[in-house]
């Protein structure tokens, strides 16, 4: 049983931040400001990661909350890269897990470049390091569009694209992995964002009703 107040907070995150076009260019900053204002009692630490060093450099340059928001260049599919960055960050703050992890527009790229096994491994590993997970799966039509864009640029095709077995119903496949293999419970699915995608909110089954209630106080 999930606390109604926490589910209400998740809906506020969606309506106030994640579906607000003015926040899309600086989503992490907007998310930090929302959490500080609504639920964190003035204390919140956020680690934002991306594999693209240019995007990380741009985010660092525009960061207005440098004491509380950190950006790192991390390959989340690399066990060593991920563990070094995440574990070091968690130890610095005296934690063993993140309270919540947001995965925006990332599952398709991991899937295209690392295949079914790579996507499953990523989701399994990230679930071991968080209590809550927000995931934004790109639907199958986004895969086909990415494939067409690559061909138009003369880049051929994604090598693993033909061998993907999770196709057509990728969102349902990701949900099955999270619920059946990772033992996470889906507590909320939003309507479509301005990117025409849904966000799904999951929690680990180790989070009790009492834990959820405390997080909202």
Foldseek 3Di string as FASTA:
>chain_A
DADPLLVVVVVCCCVVQVQDVVCPVPRVQSSVVVCCVAFDVNDAAEEAEAQDVVVQVVNVVPDPCVVHYHYDNADLLDPVRVCVVVVVVQVVVVHQAAAEDEAEPDLLVQCLQPNPVSSLVSLQVNLVRYFKYKYWDDAQVVQVVVQVVCVVVVNHGRVCVVVHPCHRPVVVVVVCSCCPVNVWAWDDWDQAHPVRIIMIMIGHPVQDNVNNVVSRD
